[in-house]
């Protein structure tokens, strides 16, 4: 094979699923917190797709399943306008969707934690330290540093 200007692009196209940046779908209705989390996760090597409601969360996941570009983790607020994160997760679990989920809540009651656990999700209580959030995210889906030189 001859090396051309397109060689790096062709190499990237042949990389398998495990070498792409992990994809996180972030659902948070607070624009400032959403922006802060997107920046922190992006700096860690994650590809982040932000939405601002539970309804958009369900829609985006269903679209990604149809396109074959799933997510490695869903990070979602619990209480959002229109459709809560937990209701969205319940709908998705009924669709046989099994991607890991981490919920953020300022209303961390035993009931909320129990419901999240029943749905197979983890919960972090607000306010949280951003480093603590990153530790929890890394535990669920480690960042992939392989592509750092290609960005």
Protein backbone atom coordinates (compact mmCIF):
# COMPACT_ATOMS: atom_id res chain seq x y z
CA UNK A 1 0.00 0.00 0.00
CA UNK A 2 1.32 3.43 -0.93
CA UNK A 3 1.11 6.22 1.59
CA UNK A 4 -0.96 9.18 0.39
CA UNK A 5 -2.62 12.20 1.97
CA UNK A 6 -5.75 10.06 2.42
CA UNK A 7 -3.93 7.26 4.27
CA UNK A 8 -4.74 8.49 7.81
CA UNK A 9 -8.39 8.88 6.85
CA UNK A 10 -8.55 5.38 5.41
CA UNK A 11 -6.88 4.01 8.51
CA UNK A 12 -9.43 5.73 10.73
CA UNK A 13 -12.27 4.30 8.65
CA UNK A 14 -10.96 0.78 9.26
CA UNK A 15 -10.58 1.11 13.02
CA UNK A 16 -12.95 -1.12 14.90
CA UNK A 17 -15.67 -0.05 17.33
CA UNK A 18 -13.34 -0.18 20.36
CA UNK A 19 -10.99 2.53 19.09
CA UNK A 20 -13.53 5.31 18.65
CA UNK A 21 -14.15 7.76 21.47
CA UNK A 22 -16.85 6.50 23.83
CA UNK A 23 -20.17 8.23 23.15
CA UNK A 24 -22.19 9.72 25.99
CA UNK A 25 -25.72 11.03 25.66
CA UNK A 26 -26.17 13.81 28.21
CA UNK A 27 -29.69 14.92 29.18
CA UNK A 28 -29.66 17.99 31.43
CA UNK A 29 -32.16 20.86 31.34
CA UNK A 30 -29.88 23.38 33.10
CA UNK A 31 -27.89 24.96 30.24
CA UNK A 32 -24.96 26.04 32.44
CA UNK A 33 -24.53 22.63 34.05
CA UNK A 34 -25.00 20.91 30.70
CA UNK A 35 -22.26 23.05 29.15
CA UNK A 36 -19.90 22.44 32.08
CA UNK A 37 -20.40 18.67 31.90
CA UNK A 38 -19.98 18.59 28.10
CA UNK A 39 -16.68 20.44 28.41
CA UNK A 40 -15.38 18.22 31.21
CA UNK A 41 -16.31 14.98 29.44
CA UNK A 42 -14.94 16.18 26.10
CA UNK A 43 -11.65 17.06 27.80
CA UNK A 44 -11.54 13.47 29.09
CA UNK A 45 -11.81 12.04 25.58
CA UNK A 46 -15.54 11.36 25.38
CA UNK A 47 -17.82 12.30 22.51
CA UNK A 48 -20.84 14.00 24.10
CA UNK A 49 -24.26 14.49 22.54
CA UNK A 50 -26.27 16.91 24.74
CA UNK A 51 -30.07 17.15 24.90
CA UNK A 52 -32.24 19.16 27.29
CA UNK A 53 -35.22 16.91 28.06
CA UNK A 54 -36.26 13.35 28.75
CA UNK A 55 -38.34 13.32 25.58
CA UNK A 56 -35.29 14.33 23.52
CA UNK A 57 -33.32 11.62 25.34
CA UNK A 58 -35.74 8.91 24.20
CA UNK A 59 -35.93 10.32 20.67
CA UNK A 60 -32.14 10.57 20.32
CA UNK A 61 -31.56 7.02 21.55
CA UNK A 62 -34.18 5.60 19.20
CA UNK A 63 -32.60 7.52 16.30
CA UNK A 64 -29.14 6.27 17.22
CA UNK A 65 -30.34 2.68 17.34
CA UNK A 66 -31.81 3.00 13.85
CA UNK A 67 -28.58 4.47 12.51
CA UNK A 68 -26.43 1.85 14.26
CA UNK A 69 -24.53 4.50 16.21
CA UNK A 70 -25.43 3.66 19.77
CA UNK A 71 -24.25 5.31 22.96
CA UNK A 72 -21.89 3.84 25.52
CA UNK A 73 -23.47 5.69 28.44
CA UNK A 74 -26.47 7.85 29.22
CA UNK A 75 -25.87 10.58 31.78
CA UNK A 76 -29.16 12.21 32.70
CA UNK A 77 -30.82 14.51 35.17
CA UNK A 78 -33.75 12.89 36.95
CA UNK A 79 -36.16 15.84 37.00
CA UNK A 80 -36.62 17.55 33.66
CA UNK A 81 -39.61 19.25 32.03
CA UNK A 82 -41.98 17.04 30.09
CA UNK A 83 -40.49 13.64 30.86
CA UNK A 84 -38.23 12.72 33.76
CA UNK A 85 -35.01 10.87 33.17
CA UNK A 86 -36.31 7.84 35.06
CA UNK A 87 -39.51 7.69 33.00
CA UNK A 88 -37.38 7.98 29.85
CA UNK A 89 -35.18 5.11 31.05
CA UNK A 90 -38.22 2.98 31.84
CA UNK A 91 -39.54 3.52 28.30
CA UNK A 92 -36.15 2.61 26.85
CA UNK A 93 -35.77 -0.51 29.00
CA UNK A 94 -39.15 -1.68 27.64
CA UNK A 95 -37.59 -1.27 24.17
CA UNK A 96 -34.93 -3.80 25.29
CA UNK A 97 -32.28 -1.10 25.57
CA UNK A 98 -29.47 -2.04 27.97
CA UNK A 99 -26.86 0.76 27.78
CA UNK A 100 -25.48 1.82 31.19
CA UNK A 101 -27.06 4.90 32.75
CA UNK A 102 -25.97 7.35 35.44
CA UNK A 103 -28.54 9.76 36.85
CA UNK A 104 -27.91 13.09 38.54
CA UNK A 105 -30.45 14.36 41.03
CA UNK A 106 -30.91 17.13 43.54
CA UNK A 107 -33.77 15.07 45.00
CA UNK A 108 -31.85 11.98 46.08
CA UNK A 109 -34.54 10.24 48.09
CA UNK A 110 -34.43 6.52 48.83
CA UNK A 111 -37.35 6.18 46.42
CA UNK A 112 -35.41 7.85 43.58
CA UNK A 113 -32.32 5.73 44.23
CA UNK A 114 -34.45 2.58 44.46
CA UNK A 115 -36.27 3.31 41.20
CA UNK A 116 -32.98 3.99 39.41
CA UNK A 117 -31.50 0.77 40.78
CA UNK A 118 -34.59 -1.20 39.69
CA UNK A 119 -33.98 0.11 36.16
CA UNK A 120 -30.30 -0.83 36.32
CA UNK A 121 -28.98 2.72 36.68
CA UNK A 122 -26.57 4.46 39.05
CA UNK A 123 -27.31 7.77 40.81
CA UNK A 124 -25.12 10.67 41.87
CA UNK A 125 -26.61 13.33 44.12
CA UNK A 126 -26.38 17.05 43.33
CA UNK A 127 -24.52 19.08 44.18
CA UNK A 128 -21.55 16.94 43.22
CA UNK A 129 -17.90 17.63 42.65
CA UNK A 130 -17.09 17.44 38.93
CA UNK A 131 -14.14 15.14 39.69
CA UNK A 132 -16.51 12.77 41.48
CA UNK A 133 -18.77 12.72 38.42
CA UNK A 134 -15.80 11.95 36.17
CA UNK A 135 -14.74 9.07 38.43
CA UNK A 136 -18.26 7.62 38.24
CA UNK A 137 -18.39 8.02 34.45
CA UNK A 138 -14.93 6.44 34.00
CA UNK A 139 -16.03 3.47 36.10
CA UNK A 140 -18.95 2.85 33.73
CA UNK A 141 -17.13 3.59 30.45
CA UNK A 142 -13.39 4.30 30.45
CA UNK A 143 -12.21 7.03 28.07
CA UNK A 144 -10.35 5.88 24.98
CA UNK A 145 -7.13 7.83 24.48
CA UNK A 146 -6.15 5.93 21.31
CA UNK A 147 -7.38 8.63 18.93
CA UNK A 148 -5.91 11.64 20.75
CA UNK A 149 -3.24 12.07 18.08
CA UNK A 150 -5.87 12.11 15.31
CA UNK A 151 -8.01 14.95 16.66
